[in-house]
Protein backbone atom coordinates (compact mmCIF):
# COMPACT_ATOMS: atom_id res chain seq x y z
CA MET A 1 -9.95 -7.89 14.48
CA ARG A 2 -7.40 -5.93 12.96
CA LYS A 3 -7.50 -1.94 13.80
CA ILE A 4 -6.56 -0.02 10.70
CA LEU A 5 -5.50 3.46 12.10
CA SER A 6 -4.20 6.64 10.28
CA LEU A 7 -0.97 7.85 11.39
CA PHE A 8 0.10 11.52 11.38
CA MET A 9 3.44 11.15 12.36
CA VAL A 10 6.31 9.12 10.76
CA PHE A 11 9.66 8.88 12.44
CA SER A 12 13.12 8.54 10.52
CA VAL A 13 16.50 8.16 12.02
CA VAL A 14 19.21 10.27 10.77
CA LEU A 15 22.77 9.86 12.26
CA GLY A 16 20.92 8.03 15.27
CA LEU A 17 18.65 10.98 16.02
CA PRO A 18 14.91 10.60 15.56
CA ILE A 19 13.35 13.23 13.56
CA ALA A 20 9.40 13.80 13.63
CA VAL A 21 7.74 14.41 10.35
CA PHE A 22 4.03 15.32 10.13
CA ALA A 23 1.96 15.16 7.14
CA ASP A 24 -0.79 17.62 7.90
CA PHE A 25 -1.65 20.10 10.76
CA SER A 26 -4.81 21.52 9.20
CA SER A 27 -7.24 19.87 11.49
CA GLY A 28 -6.02 21.29 14.78
CA LYS A 29 -7.68 18.40 16.52
CA THR A 30 -6.45 17.38 20.03
CA GLU A 31 -5.45 13.62 20.22
CA ARG A 32 -3.66 11.29 22.77
CA LYS A 33 -0.06 11.32 22.31
CA ILE A 34 2.87 9.49 24.10
CA VAL A 35 5.65 11.96 25.00
CA VAL A 36 8.95 10.08 25.45
CA PHE A 37 11.43 12.15 27.36
CA LYS A 38 14.99 11.60 27.49
CA SER A 39 16.47 9.82 30.39
CA GLY A 40 17.26 11.95 33.34
CA VAL A 41 14.90 14.87 32.58
CA ASN A 42 13.50 16.39 35.71
CA GLU A 43 9.74 15.93 36.40
CA SER A 44 9.10 19.68 36.70
CA VAL A 45 10.98 20.32 33.36
CA LYS A 46 8.62 17.70 31.65
CA ASP A 47 5.40 19.14 33.11
CA ASN A 48 6.61 22.79 32.21
CA LEU A 49 7.33 21.51 28.52
CA ILE A 50 4.00 20.05 28.30
CA ILE A 51 2.18 23.15 29.54
CA LYS A 52 4.42 25.33 27.27
CA HIS A 53 3.18 23.39 24.24
CA LYS A 54 -0.41 23.62 25.35
CA GLY A 55 -0.63 20.05 26.21
CA ILE A 56 -3.08 18.62 28.76
CA LYS A 57 -1.67 15.59 30.67
CA VAL A 58 -3.68 12.64 30.71
CA LYS A 59 -1.75 10.37 32.97
CA ASP A 60 1.94 9.54 34.07
CA SER A 61 3.33 5.99 33.22
CA GLY A 62 3.74 4.44 36.65
CA HIS A 63 6.53 2.05 35.54
CA ASN A 64 8.41 4.13 32.99
CA LYS A 65 9.16 7.76 34.22
CA ASN A 66 10.22 8.84 30.86
CA LEU A 67 6.71 8.51 29.35
CA LYS A 68 3.68 10.76 29.70
CA VAL A 69 0.28 10.53 27.99
CA VAL A 70 -0.80 14.05 26.87
CA ASN A 71 -3.47 15.50 24.73
CA LEU A 72 -1.85 17.50 21.94
CA THR A 73 -2.63 18.81 18.31
CA ASP A 74 -0.40 17.32 15.74
CA LYS A 75 1.31 20.72 15.32
CA GLU A 76 1.96 21.05 19.13
CA GLY A 77 3.24 17.51 19.24
CA TYR A 78 5.63 18.34 16.34
CA ASN A 79 6.84 21.30 18.09
CA LEU A 80 7.41 19.47 21.38
CA ALA A 81 9.24 16.78 19.75
CA LYS A 82 11.80 19.16 18.52
CA ASN A 83 12.71 20.07 22.18
CA PRO A 84 16.21 18.75 23.19
CA GLU A 85 14.71 17.23 26.37
CA VAL A 86 12.23 15.00 24.21
CA LEU A 87 13.20 11.89 22.45
CA ARG A 88 9.99 11.30 20.52
CA VAL A 89 6.16 11.90 20.48
CA ASP A 90 4.12 8.90 19.20
CA ASP A 91 0.35 8.76 18.48
CA ASP A 92 -1.29 7.01 21.33
CA ILE A 93 -3.28 4.57 19.01
CA LEU A 94 -6.24 2.23 19.90
CA ILE A 95 -5.59 -1.46 19.66
CA SER A 96 -7.95 -4.33 19.55
CA ILE A 97 -8.34 -7.99 20.36
CA ASN A 98 -7.74 -10.57 17.79
CA HIS A 99 -10.96 -12.91 17.81
CA LYS A 100 -13.26 -13.58 15.10
CA GLU A 101 -16.72 -13.69 16.69
CA SER A 102 -18.46 -11.31 18.75
CA VAL A 103 -20.00 -12.82 21.83
CA SER A 104 -22.61 -10.74 23.60
CA GLY A 105 -25.34 -11.20 26.20
CA LYS A 106 -25.86 -10.72 29.86
CA TYR A 107 -24.54 -13.46 32.13
CA LYS A 108 -25.25 -14.45 35.60
CA SER A 109 -22.31 -13.66 38.11
CA LYS A 110 -22.94 -17.04 39.83
CA VAL A 111 -23.30 -20.34 38.35
CA VAL A 112 -24.98 -23.04 40.58
CA SER A 113 -23.42 -25.90 38.87
CA GLN A 114 -20.50 -26.32 36.50
CA PRO A 115 -20.30 -28.77 33.59
CA ALA A 116 -18.12 -31.85 33.80
CA GLN A 117 -14.49 -31.37 32.64
CA VAL A 118 -13.89 -32.06 28.96
CA LEU A 119 -10.48 -31.97 27.12
CA PRO A 120 -10.76 -29.11 24.32
CA TRP A 121 -9.72 -30.18 20.83
CA GLY A 122 -6.82 -27.68 20.75
CA ILE A 123 -5.27 -29.07 24.06
CA ASP A 124 -5.55 -32.54 22.62
CA LYS A 125 -4.08 -31.45 19.28
CA ILE A 126 -0.91 -30.07 20.72
CA ASP A 127 -0.56 -33.16 23.13
CA ALA A 128 -0.62 -31.12 26.19
CA GLU A 129 -2.44 -33.80 28.12
CA LEU A 130 0.24 -36.20 27.39
CA SER A 131 3.04 -33.78 28.95
CA TRP A 132 1.40 -33.18 32.39
CA ALA A 133 3.28 -36.14 33.93
CA THR A 134 6.50 -34.09 33.03
CA SER A 135 5.29 -30.47 33.54
CA GLU A 136 2.22 -28.38 34.30
CA GLY A 137 3.84 -25.10 34.52
CA VAL A 138 4.41 -24.89 38.26
CA GLY A 139 6.37 -21.79 39.36
CA ILE A 140 6.21 -20.01 35.89
CA ASN A 141 4.42 -16.55 36.01
CA VAL A 142 2.39 -15.81 32.82
CA ALA A 143 0.88 -12.24 32.25
CA VAL A 144 -2.38 -12.20 30.34
CA LEU A 145 -2.37 -8.59 28.79
CA ASP A 146 -5.96 -8.42 27.71
CA THR A 147 -9.47 -7.28 29.04
CA GLY A 148 -8.63 -8.75 32.47
CA ILE A 149 -9.55 -12.19 33.99
CA ASP A 150 -12.78 -13.25 35.74
CA LEU A 151 -11.00 -13.45 39.16
CA THR A 152 -13.58 -15.70 40.76
CA HIS A 153 -14.09 -18.28 37.93
CA PRO A 154 -14.09 -21.54 39.65
CA ASP A 155 -11.92 -22.97 36.76
CA LEU A 156 -9.20 -20.38 37.15
CA LYS A 157 -9.22 -18.56 40.45
CA ALA A 158 -6.56 -20.95 42.27
CA ASN A 159 -4.09 -20.16 39.63
CA ILE A 160 -4.43 -16.36 39.57
CA LYS A 161 -1.62 -15.05 41.54
CA GLY A 162 -1.66 -11.40 40.81
CA LYS A 163 -3.50 -8.57 39.06
CA PHE A 164 -3.02 -4.98 37.69
CA ASN A 165 -5.29 -2.55 35.95
CA ALA A 166 -3.25 -0.61 33.62
CA ILE A 167 -6.17 1.60 32.42
CA ASN A 168 -6.69 2.76 35.97
CA SER A 169 -4.47 1.31 38.74
CA ARG A 170 -7.05 2.04 41.42
CA LYS A 171 -9.79 -0.27 39.77
CA SER A 172 -10.01 -3.92 39.53
CA ALA A 173 -8.37 -6.11 36.97
CA THR A 174 -11.55 -8.30 36.54
CA ASP A 175 -12.77 -9.09 33.07
CA ASP A 176 -15.75 -6.94 31.86
CA ASN A 177 -15.52 -8.40 28.18
CA GLY A 178 -14.71 -12.17 28.41
CA HIS A 179 -11.95 -12.35 26.00
CA GLY A 180 -9.03 -12.21 28.61
CA THR A 181 -10.86 -14.94 30.57
CA HIS A 182 -11.04 -17.09 27.61
CA VAL A 183 -7.34 -16.66 26.75
CA ALA A 184 -6.38 -17.39 30.59
CA GLY A 185 -8.29 -20.69 30.40
CA ILE A 186 -6.45 -21.86 27.30
CA ILE A 187 -3.20 -20.99 29.15
CA GLY A 188 -3.99 -22.46 32.61
CA ALA A 189 -7.63 -23.62 33.44
CA LEU A 190 -7.39 -26.02 36.37
CA ASP A 191 -7.46 -29.78 36.05
CA ASN A 192 -10.31 -30.11 38.40
CA SER A 193 -13.06 -32.19 37.05
CA ILE A 194 -15.19 -29.11 35.98
CA GLY A 195 -15.42 -27.04 32.58
CA VAL A 196 -12.16 -27.27 30.59
CA VAL A 197 -8.40 -27.80 31.27
CA GLY A 198 -5.54 -25.58 30.07
CA VAL A 199 -2.24 -26.33 28.41
CA ALA A 200 -0.46 -25.73 31.83
CA PRO A 201 -3.02 -26.35 34.50
CA GLU A 202 -0.70 -25.37 37.45
CA VAL A 203 0.71 -22.30 35.89
CA SER A 204 0.55 -18.90 37.84
CA LEU A 205 -1.66 -16.40 36.05
CA TYR A 206 -1.49 -12.58 36.30
CA ALA A 207 -4.38 -10.62 35.01
CA VAL A 208 -3.12 -7.42 33.40
CA LYS A 209 -5.93 -5.30 32.33
CA VAL A 210 -4.96 -3.25 29.31
CA LEU A 211 -8.13 -3.57 27.12
CA ASP A 212 -11.65 -2.28 28.07
CA SER A 213 -15.02 -3.73 28.05
CA ARG A 214 -15.27 -3.36 24.29
CA GLY A 215 -11.98 -5.16 23.85
CA SER A 216 -9.86 -2.25 22.84
CA GLY A 217 -7.37 -0.02 24.60
CA TYR A 218 -4.76 2.72 24.13
CA LEU A 219 -1.25 1.83 23.32
CA SER A 220 0.03 3.59 26.46
CA ASP A 221 -1.98 1.26 28.75
CA ILE A 222 -0.54 -1.76 26.78
CA ILE A 223 2.99 -0.35 27.41
CA GLU A 224 2.19 0.23 31.06
CA GLY A 225 1.24 -3.35 31.26
CA ILE A 226 4.41 -4.65 29.67
CA ASP A 227 6.47 -2.35 31.96
CA TRP A 228 4.54 -3.65 35.05
CA SER A 229 5.32 -7.24 33.91
CA ILE A 230 8.91 -6.45 33.55
CA ALA A 231 8.94 -5.07 37.15
CA ASN A 232 6.99 -7.90 38.78
CA GLY A 233 8.82 -11.02 37.76
CA ILE A 234 6.72 -12.32 34.83
CA ASN A 235 8.36 -15.06 32.72
CA VAL A 236 5.89 -15.16 29.85
CA ILE A 237 3.58 -12.38 28.31
CA ASN A 238 0.64 -13.39 26.20
CA MET A 239 -0.80 -10.60 23.89
CA SER A 240 -3.90 -11.65 21.90
CA PHE A 241 -4.42 -8.19 20.20
CA GLY A 242 -2.79 -6.24 17.30
CA THR A 243 -2.55 -3.30 15.10
CA ASN A 244 -0.89 -2.75 11.59
CA SER A 245 0.70 0.56 13.04
CA ASN A 246 4.28 0.32 13.88
CA ILE A 247 4.84 2.80 16.77
CA GLY A 248 8.26 3.44 18.16
CA SER A 249 7.11 3.46 21.95
CA PHE A 250 5.56 -0.08 21.26
CA ALA A 251 8.73 -1.37 19.70
CA ASP A 252 10.73 0.09 22.60
CA ALA A 253 8.40 -1.54 25.27
CA VAL A 254 8.78 -5.03 23.64
CA GLY A 255 12.45 -4.49 23.39
CA ARG A 256 12.66 -3.70 27.16
CA ALA A 257 10.70 -6.90 27.99
CA VAL A 258 12.88 -9.09 25.48
CA ASP A 259 16.16 -7.61 27.04
CA LYS A 260 14.92 -8.75 30.52
CA GLY A 261 14.59 -12.31 29.10
CA ILE A 262 10.74 -12.38 29.20
CA VAL A 263 9.30 -14.72 26.47
CA LEU A 264 6.73 -12.71 24.44
CA VAL A 265 3.84 -14.52 22.56
CA ALA A 266 1.36 -12.62 20.36
CA ALA A 267 -1.64 -13.29 17.99
CA ALA A 268 -0.67 -12.88 14.27
CA GLY A 269 -3.89 -11.19 13.34
CA ASN A 270 -7.17 -11.93 11.62
CA ASP A 271 -7.54 -10.42 8.39
CA GLY A 272 -5.59 -12.88 6.16
CA GLY A 273 -2.92 -10.24 5.41
CA ALA A 274 0.27 -9.29 7.00
CA VAL A 275 1.36 -10.11 10.71
CA ASP A 276 0.00 -7.56 13.01
CA TYR A 277 2.20 -5.72 15.83
CA PRO A 278 3.33 -6.83 18.43
CA GLY A 279 3.50 -10.10 16.62
CA ALA A 280 5.77 -8.49 13.80
CA TYR A 281 8.36 -7.37 16.25
CA ASP A 282 11.76 -9.06 16.54
CA GLY A 283 11.69 -11.21 19.68
CA VAL A 284 8.08 -11.91 19.69
CA ILE A 285 6.68 -15.45 18.88
CA ALA A 286 3.81 -14.69 16.51
CA VAL A 287 1.32 -17.43 16.14
CA SER A 288 -1.12 -18.25 13.13
CA ALA A 289 -4.18 -20.15 13.75
CA THR A 290 -5.25 -23.59 12.62
CA ASP A 291 -8.33 -25.73 12.42
CA SER A 292 -8.87 -29.16 13.62
CA SER A 293 -7.48 -30.69 10.18
CA ASP A 294 -4.18 -28.68 10.74
CA THR A 295 -4.86 -26.29 8.04
CA ILE A 296 -4.45 -22.62 8.47
CA THR A 297 -7.81 -20.71 8.73
CA SER A 298 -8.67 -18.18 5.86
CA TRP A 299 -8.64 -15.32 8.04
CA SER A 300 -5.38 -15.97 9.94
CA SER A 301 -2.62 -13.52 9.18
CA ARG A 302 0.71 -14.87 7.76
CA GLY A 303 4.07 -13.68 6.67
CA PRO A 304 7.91 -14.29 7.42
CA GLU A 305 7.27 -13.04 11.11
CA VAL A 306 5.16 -16.22 11.96
CA SER A 307 6.88 -18.42 14.28
CA LEU A 308 4.51 -21.22 15.08
CA ALA A 309 0.92 -22.20 14.34
CA ALA A 310 -1.59 -23.32 16.91
CA PRO A 311 -5.44 -24.21 17.26
CA GLY A 312 -7.62 -21.15 16.89
CA LEU A 313 -10.94 -22.34 15.33
CA ASN A 314 -13.95 -23.04 17.57
CA ILE A 315 -11.96 -23.07 20.77
CA LEU A 316 -13.97 -23.95 24.10
CA SER A 317 -12.63 -21.99 27.21
CA THR A 318 -13.47 -20.00 30.21
CA TRP A 319 -15.59 -16.88 30.03
CA LYS A 320 -16.69 -14.12 32.29
CA GLY A 321 -19.68 -14.96 34.83
CA SER A 322 -18.03 -18.39 35.62
CA ILE A 323 -19.21 -19.77 32.32
CA TYR A 324 -17.61 -21.11 29.18
CA LYS A 325 -17.70 -19.99 25.50
CA THR A 326 -16.50 -21.24 22.05
CA ILE A 327 -14.91 -18.55 19.97
CA SER A 328 -12.24 -18.40 17.23
CA GLY A 329 -9.12 -16.23 16.44
CA THR A 330 -5.37 -15.99 16.52
CA SER A 331 -6.38 -14.69 19.90
CA MET A 332 -6.95 -18.41 20.89
CA ALA A 333 -3.93 -19.69 18.85
CA SER A 334 -1.36 -17.51 20.85
CA PRO A 335 -2.24 -18.75 24.35
CA HIS A 336 -1.75 -22.47 23.26
CA VAL A 337 1.88 -21.48 22.67
CA ALA A 338 2.18 -19.22 25.92
CA GLY A 339 0.92 -22.28 27.90
CA SER A 340 3.27 -24.44 26.17
CA VAL A 341 6.32 -22.06 26.74
CA ALA A 342 5.26 -22.01 30.43
CA SER A 343 5.36 -25.82 30.62
CA ILE A 344 8.87 -25.94 28.99
CA MET A 345 10.28 -23.27 31.36
CA ALA A 346 8.84 -25.39 34.34
CA SER A 347 10.77 -28.61 33.17
CA PRO A 348 14.31 -29.79 33.53
CA VAL A 349 16.53 -27.96 30.86
CA ASP A 350 17.52 -29.94 27.84
CA PRO A 351 21.19 -30.20 27.83
CA LEU A 352 21.21 -29.93 24.07
CA TYR A 353 19.58 -26.42 24.43
CA ASP A 354 21.37 -25.18 27.32
CA LEU A 355 23.73 -22.85 25.69
CA ASN A 356 24.27 -20.86 28.65
CA THR A 357 25.24 -23.92 30.69
CA ASN A 358 23.32 -22.69 33.74
CA SER A 359 20.50 -25.30 33.86
CA ILE A 360 18.06 -22.49 33.60
CA TRP A 361 15.82 -22.03 30.39
CA ASP A 362 16.27 -18.73 28.91
CA ALA A 363 13.86 -17.12 26.17
CA GLY A 364 16.25 -17.93 23.30
CA GLU A 365 16.64 -21.53 24.32
CA VAL A 366 12.86 -22.08 24.95
CA ARG A 367 12.11 -20.57 21.45
CA SER A 368 14.76 -22.73 19.77
CA LYS A 369 13.34 -25.99 21.35
CA ILE A 370 9.60 -25.25 20.82
CA GLN A 371 10.23 -24.39 17.07
CA ASP A 372 12.51 -27.25 16.59
CA LYS A 373 9.97 -29.83 18.15
CA SER A 374 7.01 -28.43 16.26
CA THR A 375 5.05 -30.65 13.88
CA ASP A 376 5.97 -29.32 10.22
CA LEU A 377 3.00 -28.20 8.26
CA GLY A 378 2.64 -26.76 4.75
CA ASP A 379 5.76 -26.44 2.67
CA THR A 380 8.74 -28.48 4.09
CA GLY A 381 10.55 -26.46 6.70
CA PHE A 382 9.84 -22.92 7.62
CA ASP A 383 6.92 -21.07 5.68
CA ASN A 384 4.96 -17.87 6.03
CA SER A 385 1.70 -19.67 6.93
CA TYR A 386 2.70 -22.12 9.69
CA GLY A 387 6.20 -20.72 10.66
CA PHE A 388 8.23 -23.76 11.89
CA GLY A 389 5.09 -25.72 12.32
CA LEU A 390 2.16 -26.59 14.75
CA VAL A 391 3.27 -26.53 18.34
CA ASN A 392 3.73 -29.87 19.91
CA LEU A 393 4.17 -29.72 23.74
CA PHE A 394 4.83 -33.39 24.25
CA ASN A 395 7.83 -33.30 21.59
CA SER A 396 8.99 -30.08 23.18
CA LEU A 397 9.24 -31.59 26.60
CA SER A 398 11.18 -34.57 25.36
CA LEU A 399 15.09 -34.91 25.87
């Protein structure tokens, strides 16, 4: 669901310099902030500035040395942001998953028998099963930034090639919610006769835990997950979460990943309104949700930032505890596209789209082809509900 949060800090740019403007200092409440230091500032200088402004350091960012997470009041954050060594101070907001139904209950950690494999309607709808003779995503690394993945799920474990807990790097990236496992199954559940099968059943999955057992997490942990992905050779990032808050540090992290050639795919949002961030950022493929009749759901967010539509209603996939669940949301639509992107990247480059003439898919080329080969829905051509249309993997792999 979409998390509506109050912002105490608005940033404007004058002559290229960020200026922090705070609306109200009256509460004096200490809150988590992301302090962005300018490049090259010494670590001791950073720590001393935080102490000077009465901040309490929560954590360093392991993969971006210019960021620190600090507890500060708005007033102290405002004063710290004025220091010439500081680029910006952002609110470390909470961000939530984008699925519609809450799934609760206690599940056994081991399941004696697994159900026979079925082809989920969403996989069938985008013609993924017709594409496996051409590509199953072999060799493409997809990071699932989410609640983690059930690392022992029999329908996933052979495809899980790496893991990272951005909330606490000393702890496991296993899924304590279920949402991340569901997303991972849509992308890459194995074609192994049990349960379900994903869009790209031989893709390499990476469990990047940025959200907790309640399905929410701090922006700073999501940024850490993005930066980890940049540092670890990830080709595609799926982000099935969102917020209506446009935070500078979030935009910067997305920009770093885009600049490295990573394809970013995100859920559009579930309140029927404007597209959430990160989906609303340039360079991100925002995905709206459709039902089995190819109609956008009433709750799917929409707007000019939507790139593609994909199945999102009543989607069966893997769940924590080695079981399977059916849930709905743009959270489920996004991984249909992320898996499709992986399959395209693992296939021979289409000469018509090889703009760099290097026989290697780059992010822009993949995005162009998957949009061009989508099935047009709604108004003719691009529209705010379906973007360029419903993703069609079989068409996207045709030369």
